[in-house]
Amino acid sequence: RQAPGKERELVAVISSGGNEIYGDPVKGRFITSRDNAKS
């Protein structure tokens, strides 16, 4: 994400195997997921 006037920052990563990593500002509030059948 990129807020006005700020640098782009990493929010979340999801691996090909479904493992998730979150940036500190969003931990516990955001959840990333993927549907490989729907890309």
PDB file of all heavy atoms in Angstrom:
ATOM      1  N   ARG A   1       0.851  -1.192   0.000  1.00  0.00           N
ATOM      2  CA  ARG A   1       0.000   0.000   0.000  1.00  0.00           C
ATOM      3  C   ARG A   1       0.882   1.236   0.000  1.00  0.00           C
ATOM      4  O   ARG A   1       2.029   1.204   0.443  1.00  0.00           O
ATOM      5  CB  ARG A   1      -0.945   0.011   1.197  1.00  0.00           C
ATOM      6  CG  ARG A   1      -0.266   0.205   2.537  1.00  0.00           C
ATOM      7  CD  ARG A   1      -1.283   0.106   3.663  1.00  0.00           C
ATOM      8  NE  ARG A   1      -0.665   0.300   4.969  1.00  0.00           N
ATOM      9  CZ  ARG A   1      -1.303   0.134   6.128  1.00  0.00           C
ATOM     10  NH1 ARG A   1      -2.578  -0.237   6.128  1.00  0.00           N
ATOM     11  NH2 ARG A   1      -0.667   0.342   7.267  1.00  0.00           N
ATOM     12  N   GLN A   2       0.284   2.322  -0.486  1.00  0.00           N
ATOM     13  CA  GLN A   2       0.991   3.595  -0.498  1.00  0.00           C
ATOM     14  C   GLN A   2       0.033   4.685  -0.067  1.00  0.00           C
ATOM     15  O   GLN A   2      -0.977   4.951  -0.735  1.00  0.00           O
ATOM     16  CB  GLN A   2       1.556   3.899  -1.877  1.00  0.00           C
ATOM     17  CG  GLN A   2       2.466   5.113  -1.903  1.00  0.00           C
ATOM     18  CD  GLN A   2       3.299   5.182  -3.147  1.00  0.00           C
ATOM     19  OE1 GLN A   2       3.007   4.557  -4.168  1.00  0.00           O
ATOM     20  NE2 GLN A   2       4.385   5.958  -3.102  1.00  0.00           N
ATOM     21  N   ALA A   3       0.360   5.289   1.071  1.00  0.00           N
ATOM     22  CA  ALA A   3      -0.427   6.400   1.584  1.00  0.00           C
ATOM     23  C   ALA A   3       0.050   7.692   0.931  1.00  0.00           C
ATOM     24  O   ALA A   3       1.198   7.781   0.482  1.00  0.00           O
ATOM     25  CB  ALA A   3      -0.283   6.479   3.093  1.00  0.00           C
ATOM     26  N   PRO A   4      -0.819   8.708   0.890  1.00  0.00           N
ATOM     27  CA  PRO A   4      -0.411   9.990   0.288  1.00  0.00           C
ATOM     28  C   PRO A   4       0.856  10.535   0.934  1.00  0.00           C
ATOM     29  O   PRO A   4       0.949  10.624   2.159  1.00  0.00           O
ATOM     30  CB  PRO A   4      -1.610  10.889   0.577  1.00  0.00           C
ATOM     31  CG  PRO A   4      -2.763   9.960   0.719  1.00  0.00           C
ATOM     32  CD  PRO A   4      -2.214   8.719   1.348  1.00  0.00           C
ATOM     33  N   GLY A   5       1.840  10.844   0.105  1.00  0.00           N
ATOM     34  CA  GLY A   5       3.066  11.436   0.610  1.00  0.00           C
ATOM     35  C   GLY A   5       4.028  10.479   1.277  1.00  0.00           C
ATOM     36  O   GLY A   5       5.049  10.906   1.834  1.00  0.00           O
ATOM     37  N   LYS A   6       3.722   9.190   1.214  1.00  0.00           N
ATOM     38  CA  LYS A   6       4.584   8.197   1.867  1.00  0.00           C
ATOM     39  C   LYS A   6       5.075   7.170   0.867  1.00  0.00           C
ATOM     40  O   LYS A   6       4.548   7.037  -0.232  1.00  0.00           O
ATOM     41  CB  LYS A   6       3.831   7.499   3.008  1.00  0.00           C
ATOM     42  CG  LYS A   6       3.454   8.421   4.148  1.00  0.00           C
ATOM     43  CD  LYS A   6       2.918   7.644   5.327  1.00  0.00           C
ATOM     44  CE  LYS A   6       2.626   8.549   6.498  1.00  0.00           C
ATOM     45  NZ  LYS A   6       2.118   7.803   7.680  1.00  0.00           N
ATOM     46  N   GLU A   7       6.100   6.421   1.279  1.00  0.00           N
ATOM     47  CA  GLU A   7       6.623   5.366   0.424  1.00  0.00           C
ATOM     48  C   GLU A   7       5.695   4.145   0.449  1.00  0.00           C
ATOM     49  O   GLU A   7       4.948   3.937   1.402  1.00  0.00           O
ATOM     50  CB  GLU A   7       8.028   4.960   0.902  1.00  0.00           C
ATOM     51  CG  GLU A   7       9.075   6.047   0.704  1.00  0.00           C
ATOM     52  CD  GLU A   7      10.474   5.563   1.039  1.00  0.00           C
ATOM     53  OE1 GLU A   7      10.620   4.419   1.505  1.00  0.00           O
ATOM     54  OE2 GLU A   7      11.425   6.344   0.828  1.00  0.00           O
ATOM     55  N   ARG A   8       5.804   3.362  -0.606  1.00  0.00           N
ATOM     56  CA  ARG A   8       5.036   2.127  -0.665  1.00  0.00           C
ATOM     57  C   ARG A   8       5.546   1.173   0.411  1.00  0.00           C
ATOM     58  O   ARG A   8       6.762   1.029   0.588  1.00  0.00           O
ATOM     59  CB  ARG A   8       5.182   1.502  -2.053  1.00  0.00           C
ATOM     60  CG  ARG A   8       4.143   0.490  -2.402  1.00  0.00           C
ATOM     61  CD  ARG A   8       4.185   0.138  -3.875  1.00  0.00           C
ATOM     62  NE  ARG A   8       3.812   1.253  -4.736  1.00  0.00           N
ATOM     63  CZ  ARG A   8       3.597   1.136  -6.030  1.00  0.00           C
ATOM     64  NH1 ARG A   8       3.732  -0.043  -6.631  1.00  0.00           N
ATOM     65  NH2 ARG A   8       3.264   2.194  -6.737  1.00  0.00           N
ATOM     66  N   GLU A   9       4.624   0.506   1.131  1.00  0.00           N
ATOM     67  CA  GLU A   9       5.025  -0.406   2.188  1.00  0.00           C
ATOM     68  C   GLU A   9       4.365  -1.768   1.998  1.00  0.00           C
ATOM     69  O   GLU A   9       3.238  -1.868   1.498  1.00  0.00           O
ATOM     70  CB  GLU A   9       4.675   0.142   3.577  1.00  0.00           C
ATOM     71  CG  GLU A   9       3.198   0.267   3.865  1.00  0.00           C
ATOM     72  CD  GLU A   9       2.911   0.630   5.319  1.00  0.00           C
ATOM     73  OE1 GLU A   9       3.825   0.567   6.162  1.00  0.00           O
ATOM     74  OE2 GLU A   9       1.745   0.964   5.617  1.00  0.00           O
ATOM     75  N   LEU A  10       5.081  -2.783   2.459  1.00  0.00           N
ATOM     76  CA  LEU A  10       4.572  -4.154   2.368  1.00  0.00           C
ATOM     77  C   LEU A  10       3.478  -4.370   3.404  1.00  0.00           C
ATOM     78  O   LEU A  10       3.661  -4.068   4.581  1.00  0.00           O
ATOM     79  CB  LEU A  10       5.718  -5.138   2.585  1.00  0.00           C
ATOM     80  CG  LEU A  10       5.356  -6.614   2.525  1.00  0.00           C
ATOM     81  CD1 LEU A  10       4.887  -7.013   1.139  1.00  0.00           C
ATOM     82  CD2 LEU A  10       6.561  -7.462   2.949  1.00  0.00           C
ATOM     83  N   VAL A  11       2.356  -4.906   2.957  1.00  0.00           N
ATOM     84  CA  VAL A  11       1.239  -5.191   3.855  1.00  0.00           C
ATOM     85  C   VAL A  11       1.212  -6.670   4.230  1.00  0.00           C
ATOM     86  O   VAL A  11       1.097  -7.018   5.400  1.00  0.00           O
ATOM     87  CB  VAL A  11      -0.095  -4.803   3.192  1.00  0.00           C
ATOM     88  CG1 VAL A  11      -1.277  -5.234   4.048  1.00  0.00           C
ATOM     89  CG2 VAL A  11      -0.137  -3.304   2.924  1.00  0.00           C
ATOM     90  N   ALA A  12       1.295  -7.544   3.223  1.00  0.00           N
ATOM     91  CA  ALA A  12       1.170  -8.976   3.481  1.00  0.00           C
ATOM     92  C   ALA A  12       1.798  -9.769   2.344  1.00  0.00           C
ATOM     93  O   ALA A  12       1.873  -9.295   1.213  1.00  0.00           O
ATOM     94  CB  ALA A  12      -0.294  -9.379   3.635  1.00  0.00           C
ATOM     95  N   VAL A  13       2.240 -10.958   2.703  1.00  0.00           N
ATOM     96  CA  VAL A  13       2.779 -11.917   1.738  1.00  0.00           C
ATOM     97  C   VAL A  13       2.069 -13.240   1.954  1.00  0.00           C
ATOM     98  O   VAL A  13       1.842 -13.643   3.099  1.00  0.00           O
ATOM     99  CB  VAL A  13       4.292 -12.133   1.940  1.00  0.00           C
ATOM    100  CG1 VAL A  13       4.844 -13.090   0.887  1.00  0.00           C
ATOM    101  CG2 VAL A  13       5.041 -10.820   1.936  1.00  0.00           C
ATOM    102  N   ILE A  14       1.735 -13.915   0.866  1.00  0.00           N
ATOM    103  CA  ILE A  14       1.237 -15.279   0.967  1.00  0.00           C
ATOM    104  C   ILE A  14       2.053 -16.129   0.010  1.00  0.00           C
ATOM    105  O   ILE A  14       2.175 -15.808  -1.177  1.00  0.00           O
ATOM    106  CB  ILE A  14      -0.279 -15.383   0.712  1.00  0.00           C
ATOM    107  CG1 ILE A  14      -0.753 -16.832   0.919  1.00  0.00           C
ATOM    108  CG2 ILE A  14      -0.668 -14.848  -0.654  1.00  0.00           C
ATOM    109  CD1 ILE A  14      -2.271 -16.956   1.038  1.00  0.00           C
ATOM    110  N   SER A  15       2.629 -17.191   0.553  1.00  0.00           N
ATOM    111  CA  SER A  15       3.485 -18.040  -0.265  1.00  0.00           C
ATOM    112  C   SER A  15       2.645 -18.925  -1.182  1.00  0.00           C
ATOM    113  O   SER A  15       1.425 -19.041  -1.028  1.00  0.00           O
ATOM    114  CB  SER A  15       4.363 -18.905   0.637  1.00  0.00           C
ATOM    115  OG  SER A  15       3.588 -19.916   1.250  1.00  0.00           O
ATOM    116  N   SER A  16       3.323 -19.567  -2.116  1.00  0.00           N
ATOM    117  CA  SER A  16       2.622 -20.498  -2.995  1.00  0.00           C
ATOM    118  C   SER A  16       1.973 -21.622  -2.189  1.00  0.00           C
ATOM    119  O   SER A  16       0.945 -22.176  -2.602  1.00  0.00           O
ATOM    120  CB  SER A  16       3.590 -21.071  -4.032  1.00  0.00           C
ATOM    121  OG  SER A  16       4.675 -21.723  -3.400  1.00  0.00           O
ATOM    122  N   GLY A  17       2.526 -21.925  -1.041  1.00  0.00           N
ATOM    123  CA  GLY A  17       1.969 -22.976  -0.190  1.00  0.00           C
ATOM    124  C   GLY A  17       0.937 -22.487   0.806  1.00  0.00           C
ATOM    125  O   GLY A  17       0.413 -23.279   1.590  1.00  0.00           O
ATOM    126  N   GLY A  18       0.670 -21.174   0.778  1.00  0.00           N
ATOM    127  CA  GLY A  18      -0.381 -20.632   1.641  1.00  0.00           C
ATOM    128  C   GLY A  18       0.099 -20.058   2.966  1.00  0.00           C
ATOM    129  O   GLY A  18      -0.712 -19.653   3.798  1.00  0.00           O
ATOM    130  N   ASN A  19       1.414 -20.005   3.185  1.00  0.00           N
ATOM    131  CA  ASN A  19       1.912 -19.385   4.422  1.00  0.00           C
ATOM    132  C   ASN A  19       1.808 -17.863   4.320  1.00  0.00           C
ATOM    133  O   ASN A  19       2.069 -17.291   3.258  1.00  0.00           O
ATOM    134  CB  ASN A  19       3.360 -19.803   4.666  1.00  0.00           C
ATOM    135  CG  ASN A  19       3.472 -21.295   4.915  1.00  0.00           C
ATOM    136  OD1 ASN A  19       2.711 -21.863   5.689  1.00  0.00           O
ATOM    137  ND2 ASN A  19       4.424 -21.950   4.265  1.00  0.00           N
ATOM    138  N   GLU A  20       1.458 -17.228   5.431  1.00  0.00           N
ATOM    139  CA  GLU A  20       1.178 -15.795   5.432  1.00  0.00           C
ATOM    140  C   GLU A  20       2.150 -15.046   6.344  1.00  0.00           C
ATOM    141  O   GLU A  20       2.505 -15.533   7.425  1.00  0.00           O
ATOM    142  CB  GLU A  20      -0.249 -15.543   5.930  1.00  0.00           C
ATOM    143  CG  GLU A  20      -1.320 -16.251   5.125  1.00  0.00           C
ATOM    144  CD  GLU A  20      -2.559 -16.537   5.957  1.00  0.00           C
ATOM    145  OE1 GLU A  20      -2.960 -15.637   6.725  1.00  0.00           O
ATOM    146  OE2 GLU A  20      -3.116 -17.641   5.849  1.00  0.00           O
ATOM    147  N   ILE A  21       2.529 -13.871   5.908  1.00  0.00           N
ATOM    148  CA  ILE A  21       3.338 -12.956   6.709  1.00  0.00           C
ATOM    149  C   ILE A  21       2.687 -11.582   6.600  1.00  0.00           C
ATOM    150  O   ILE A  21       2.243 -11.184   5.519  1.00  0.00           O
ATOM    151  CB  ILE A  21       4.790 -12.886   6.207  1.00  0.00           C
ATOM    152  CG1 ILE A  21       5.454 -14.264   6.300  1.00  0.00           C
ATOM    153  CG2 ILE A  21       5.595 -11.865   6.999  1.00  0.00           C
ATOM    154  CD1 ILE A  21       6.831 -14.313   5.668  1.00  0.00           C
ATOM    155  N   TYR A  22       2.642 -10.838   7.729  1.00  0.00           N
ATOM    156  CA  TYR A  22       1.992  -9.531   7.749  1.00  0.00           C
ATOM    157  C   TYR A  22       2.932  -8.461   8.282  1.00  0.00           C
ATOM    158  O   TYR A  22       3.756  -8.714   9.160  1.00  0.00           O
ATOM    159  CB  TYR A  22       0.734  -9.581   8.623  1.00  0.00           C
ATOM    160  CG  TYR A  22      -0.303 -10.518   8.086  1.00  0.00           C
ATOM    161  CD1 TYR A  22      -0.359 -11.846   8.523  1.00  0.00           C
ATOM    162  CD2 TYR A  22      -1.207 -10.101   7.109  1.00  0.00           C
ATOM    163  CE1 TYR A  22      -1.302 -12.726   8.006  1.00  0.00           C
ATOM    164  CE2 TYR A  22      -2.148 -10.978   6.586  1.00  0.00           C
ATOM    165  CZ  TYR A  22      -2.181 -12.289   7.038  1.00  0.00           C
ATOM    166  OH  TYR A  22      -3.104 -13.153   6.518  1.00  0.00           O
ATOM    167  N   GLY A  23       2.744  -7.269   7.760  1.00  0.00           N
ATOM    168  CA  GLY A  23       3.451  -6.134   8.319  1.00  0.00           C
ATOM    169  C   GLY A  23       2.893  -5.802   9.694  1.00  0.00           C
ATOM    170  O   GLY A  23       1.712  -6.037   9.965  1.00  0.00           O
ATOM    171  N   ASP A  24       3.732  -5.246  10.550  1.00  0.00           N
ATOM    172  CA  ASP A  24       3.314  -4.969  11.928  1.00  0.00           C
ATOM    173  C   ASP A  24       2.056  -4.107  12.023  1.00  0.00           C
ATOM    174  O   ASP A  24       1.205  -4.358  12.880  1.00  0.00           O
ATOM    175  CB  ASP A  24       4.460  -4.309  12.697  1.00  0.00           C
ATOM    176  CG  ASP A  24       5.556  -5.303  13.059  1.00  0.00           C
ATOM    177  OD1 ASP A  24       5.300  -6.521  13.010  1.00  0.00           O
ATOM    178  OD2 ASP A  24       6.671  -4.855  13.392  1.00  0.00           O
ATOM    179  N   PRO A  25       1.893  -3.073  11.182  1.00  0.00           N
ATOM    180  CA  PRO A  25       0.710  -2.212  11.329  1.00  0.00           C
ATOM    181  C   PRO A  25      -0.624  -2.931  11.102  1.00  0.00           C
ATOM    182  O   PRO A  25      -1.664  -2.418  11.522  1.00  0.00           O
ATOM    183  CB  PRO A  25       0.928  -1.122  10.276  1.00  0.00           C
ATOM    184  CG  PRO A  25       2.393  -1.110  10.029  1.00  0.00           C
ATOM    185  CD  PRO A  25       2.813  -2.531  10.164  1.00  0.00           C
ATOM    186  N   VAL A  26      -0.619  -4.078  10.426  1.00  0.00           N
ATOM    187  CA  VAL A  26      -1.882  -4.726  10.083  1.00  0.00           C
ATOM    188  C   VAL A  26      -2.070  -6.083  10.759  1.00  0.00           C
ATOM    189  O   VAL A  26      -3.121  -6.710  10.597  1.00  0.00           O
ATOM    190  CB  VAL A  26      -2.040  -4.880   8.552  1.00  0.00           C
ATOM    191  CG1 VAL A  26      -1.814  -3.539   7.855  1.00  0.00           C
ATOM    192  CG2 VAL A  26      -1.105  -5.937   7.995  1.00  0.00           C
ATOM    193  N   LYS A  27      -1.086  -6.516  11.516  1.00  0.00           N
ATOM    194  CA  LYS A  27      -1.181  -7.825  12.173  1.00  0.00           C
ATOM    195  C   LYS A  27      -2.412  -7.891  13.058  1.00  0.00           C
ATOM    196  O   LYS A  27      -2.693  -6.954  13.814  1.00  0.00           O
ATOM    197  CB  LYS A  27       0.070  -8.087  13.010  1.00  0.00           C
ATOM    198  CG  LYS A  27       1.260  -8.570  12.212  1.00  0.00           C
ATOM    199  CD  LYS A  27       2.452  -8.831  13.121  1.00  0.00           C
ATOM    200  CE  LYS A  27       3.655  -9.267  12.318  1.00  0.00           C
ATOM    201  NZ  LYS A  27       4.862  -9.436  13.163  1.00  0.00           N
ATOM    202  N   GLY A  28      -3.144  -8.987  12.935  1.00  0.00           N
ATOM    203  CA  GLY A  28      -4.329  -9.189  13.750  1.00  0.00           C
ATOM    204  C   GLY A  28      -5.583  -8.544  13.194  1.00  0.00           C
ATOM    205  O   GLY A  28      -6.685  -8.755  13.718  1.00  0.00           O
ATOM    206  N   ARG A  29      -5.435  -7.738  12.122  1.00  0.00           N
ATOM    207  CA  ARG A  29      -6.602  -7.069  11.529  1.00  0.00           C
ATOM    208  C   ARG A  29      -6.833  -7.490  10.076  1.00  0.00           C
ATOM    209  O   ARG A  29      -7.969  -7.514   9.616  1.00  0.00           O
ATOM    210  CB  ARG A  29      -6.418  -5.554  11.580  1.00  0.00           C
ATOM    211  CG  ARG A  29      -6.280  -4.998  12.989  1.00  0.00           C
ATOM    212  CD  ARG A  29      -6.287  -3.471  12.992  1.00  0.00           C
ATOM    213  NE  ARG A  29      -5.153  -2.910  12.260  1.00  0.00           N
ATOM    214  CZ  ARG A  29      -5.277  -2.087  11.226  1.00  0.00           C
ATOM    215  NH1 ARG A  29      -6.458  -1.731  10.774  1.00  0.00           N
ATOM    216  NH2 ARG A  29      -4.188  -1.609  10.614  1.00  0.00           N
ATOM    217  N   PHE A  30      -5.771  -7.749   9.352  1.00  0.00           N
ATOM    218  CA  PHE A  30      -5.869  -8.099   7.929  1.00  0.00           C
ATOM    219  C   PHE A  30      -5.563  -9.576   7.751  1.00  0.00           C
ATOM    220  O   PHE A  30      -4.738 -10.153   8.467  1.00  0.00           O
ATOM    221  CB  PHE A  30      -4.868  -7.301   7.096  1.00  0.00           C
ATOM    222  CG  PHE A  30      -5.172  -5.835   6.952  1.00  0.00           C
ATOM    223  CD1 PHE A  30      -6.120  -5.192   7.726  1.00  0.00           C
ATOM    224  CD2 PHE A  30      -4.471  -5.083   6.017  1.00  0.00           C
ATOM    225  CE1 PHE A  30      -6.377  -3.840   7.583  1.00  0.00           C
ATOM    226  CE2 PHE A  30      -4.715  -3.729   5.853  1.00  0.00           C
ATOM    227  CZ  PHE A  30      -5.657  -3.112   6.642  1.00  0.00           C
ATOM    228  N   ILE A  31      -6.226 -10.175   6.764  1.00  0.00           N
ATOM    229  CA  ILE A  31      -5.971 -11.570   6.409  1.00  0.00           C
ATOM    230  C   ILE A  31      -5.872 -11.677   4.893  1.00  0.00           C
ATOM    231  O   ILE A  31      -6.781 -11.222   4.173  1.00  0.00           O
ATOM    232  CB  ILE A  31      -7.100 -12.497   6.902  1.00  0.00           C
ATOM    233  CG1 ILE A  31      -7.244 -12.415   8.425  1.00  0.00           C
ATOM    234  CG2 ILE A  31      -6.831 -13.938   6.476  1.00  0.00           C
ATOM    235  CD1 ILE A  31      -8.466 -13.119   8.957  1.00  0.00           C
ATOM    236  N   THR A  32      -4.786 -12.269   4.417  1.00  0.00           N
ATOM    237  CA  THR A  32      -4.664 -12.501   2.983  1.00  0.00           C
ATOM    238  C   THR A  32      -4.921 -13.965   2.685  1.00  0.00           C
ATOM    239  O   THR A  32      -4.638 -14.844   3.513  1.00  0.00           O
ATOM    240  CB  THR A  32      -3.282 -12.065   2.467  1.00  0.00           C
ATOM    241  OG1 THR A  32      -3.269 -12.139   1.037  1.00  0.00           O
ATOM    242  CG2 THR A  32      -2.162 -12.924   3.027  1.00  0.00           C
ATOM    243  N   SER A  33      -5.479 -14.219   1.527  1.00  0.00           N
ATOM    244  CA  SER A  33      -5.751 -15.589   1.104  1.00  0.00           C
ATOM    245  C   SER A  33      -5.660 -15.656  -0.409  1.00  0.00           C
ATOM    246  O   SER A  33      -5.533 -14.628  -1.085  1.00  0.00           O
ATOM    247  CB  SER A  33      -7.130 -16.043   1.598  1.00  0.00           C
ATOM    248  OG  SER A  33      -8.152 -15.215   1.063  1.00  0.00           O
ATOM    249  N   ARG A  34      -5.717 -16.860  -0.913  1.00  0.00           N
ATOM    250  CA  ARG A  34      -5.623 -17.034  -2.365  1.00  0.00           C
ATOM    251  C   ARG A  34      -6.519 -18.166  -2.811  1.00  0.00           C
ATOM    252  O   ARG A  34      -6.710 -19.146  -2.079  1.00  0.00           O
ATOM    253  CB  ARG A  34      -4.177 -17.290  -2.781  1.00  0.00           C
ATOM    254  CG  ARG A  34      -3.556 -18.544  -2.205  1.00  0.00           C
ATOM    255  CD  ARG A  34      -2.033 -18.556  -2.409  1.00  0.00           C
ATOM    256  NE  ARG A  34      -1.689 -18.543  -3.823  1.00  0.00           N
ATOM    257  CZ  ARG A  34      -0.506 -18.128  -4.285  1.00  0.00           C
ATOM    258  NH1 ARG A  34       0.441 -17.707  -3.459  1.00  0.00           N
ATOM    259  NH2 ARG A  34      -0.272 -18.152  -5.600  1.00  0.00           N
ATOM    260  N   ASP A  35      -7.055 -18.034  -4.015  1.00  0.00           N
ATOM    261  CA  ASP A  35      -7.834 -19.093  -4.639  1.00  0.00           C
ATOM    262  C   ASP A  35      -7.101 -19.441  -5.932  1.00  0.00           C
ATOM    263  O   ASP A  35      -7.232 -18.736  -6.933  1.00  0.00           O
ATOM    264  CB  ASP A  35      -9.261 -18.617  -4.924  1.00  0.00           C
ATOM    265  CG  ASP A  35     -10.149 -19.718  -5.467  1.00  0.00           C
ATOM    266  OD1 ASP A  35      -9.636 -20.673  -6.095  1.00  0.00           O
ATOM    267  OD2 ASP A  35     -11.367 -19.628  -5.306  1.00  0.00           O
ATOM    268  N   ASN A  36      -6.326 -20.500  -5.892  1.00  0.00           N
ATOM    269  CA  ASN A  36      -5.501 -20.847  -7.048  1.00  0.00           C
ATOM    270  C   ASN A  36      -6.351 -21.268  -8.245  1.00  0.00           C
ATOM    271  O   ASN A  36      -5.960 -21.047  -9.391  1.00  0.00           O
ATOM    272  CB  ASN A  36      -4.514 -21.953  -6.685  1.00  0.00           C
ATOM    273  CG  ASN A  36      -3.421 -21.470  -5.752  1.00  0.00           C
ATOM    274  OD1 ASN A  36      -3.072 -20.275  -5.722  1.00  0.00           O
ATOM    275  ND2 ASN A  36      -2.868 -22.379  -4.961  1.00  0.00           N
ATOM    276  N   ALA A  37      -7.519 -21.846  -7.981  1.00  0.00           N
ATOM    277  CA  ALA A  37      -8.387 -22.252  -9.092  1.00  0.00           C
ATOM    278  C   ALA A  37      -8.890 -21.036  -9.866  1.00  0.00           C
ATOM    279  O   ALA A  37      -9.147 -21.133 -11.071  1.00  0.00           O
ATOM    280  CB  ALA A  37      -9.556 -23.069  -8.567  1.00  0.00           C
ATOM    281  N   LYS A  38      -9.016 -19.910  -9.164  1.00  0.00           N
ATOM    282  CA  LYS A  38      -9.504 -18.685  -9.801  1.00  0.00           C
ATOM    283  C   LYS A  38      -8.378 -17.702 -10.098  1.00  0.00           C
ATOM    284  O   LYS A  38      -8.635 -16.603 -10.601  1.00  0.00           O
ATOM    285  CB  LYS A  38     -10.534 -18.002  -8.902  1.00  0.00           C
ATOM    286  CG  LYS A  38     -11.813 -18.805  -8.705  1.00  0.00           C
ATOM    287  CD  LYS A  38     -12.809 -18.031  -7.842  1.00  0.00           C
ATOM    288  CE  LYS A  38     -14.104 -18.817  -7.674  1.00  0.00           C
ATOM    289  NZ  LYS A  38     -15.096 -18.083  -6.831  1.00  0.00           N
ATOM    290  N   SER A  39      -7.144 -18.086  -9.762  1.00  0.00           N
ATOM    291  CA  SER A  39      -5.998 -17.168  -9.941  1.00  0.00           C
ATOM    292  C   SER A  39      -6.285 -15.807  -9.323  1.00  0.00           C
ATOM    293  O   SER A  39      -6.064 -14.755  -9.949  1.00  0.00           O
ATOM    294  CB  SER A  39      -5.631 -17.020 -11.427  1.00  0.00           C
ATOM    295  OG  SER A  39      -5.197 -18.246 -11.966  1.00  0.00           O
TER     296      SER A  39
END
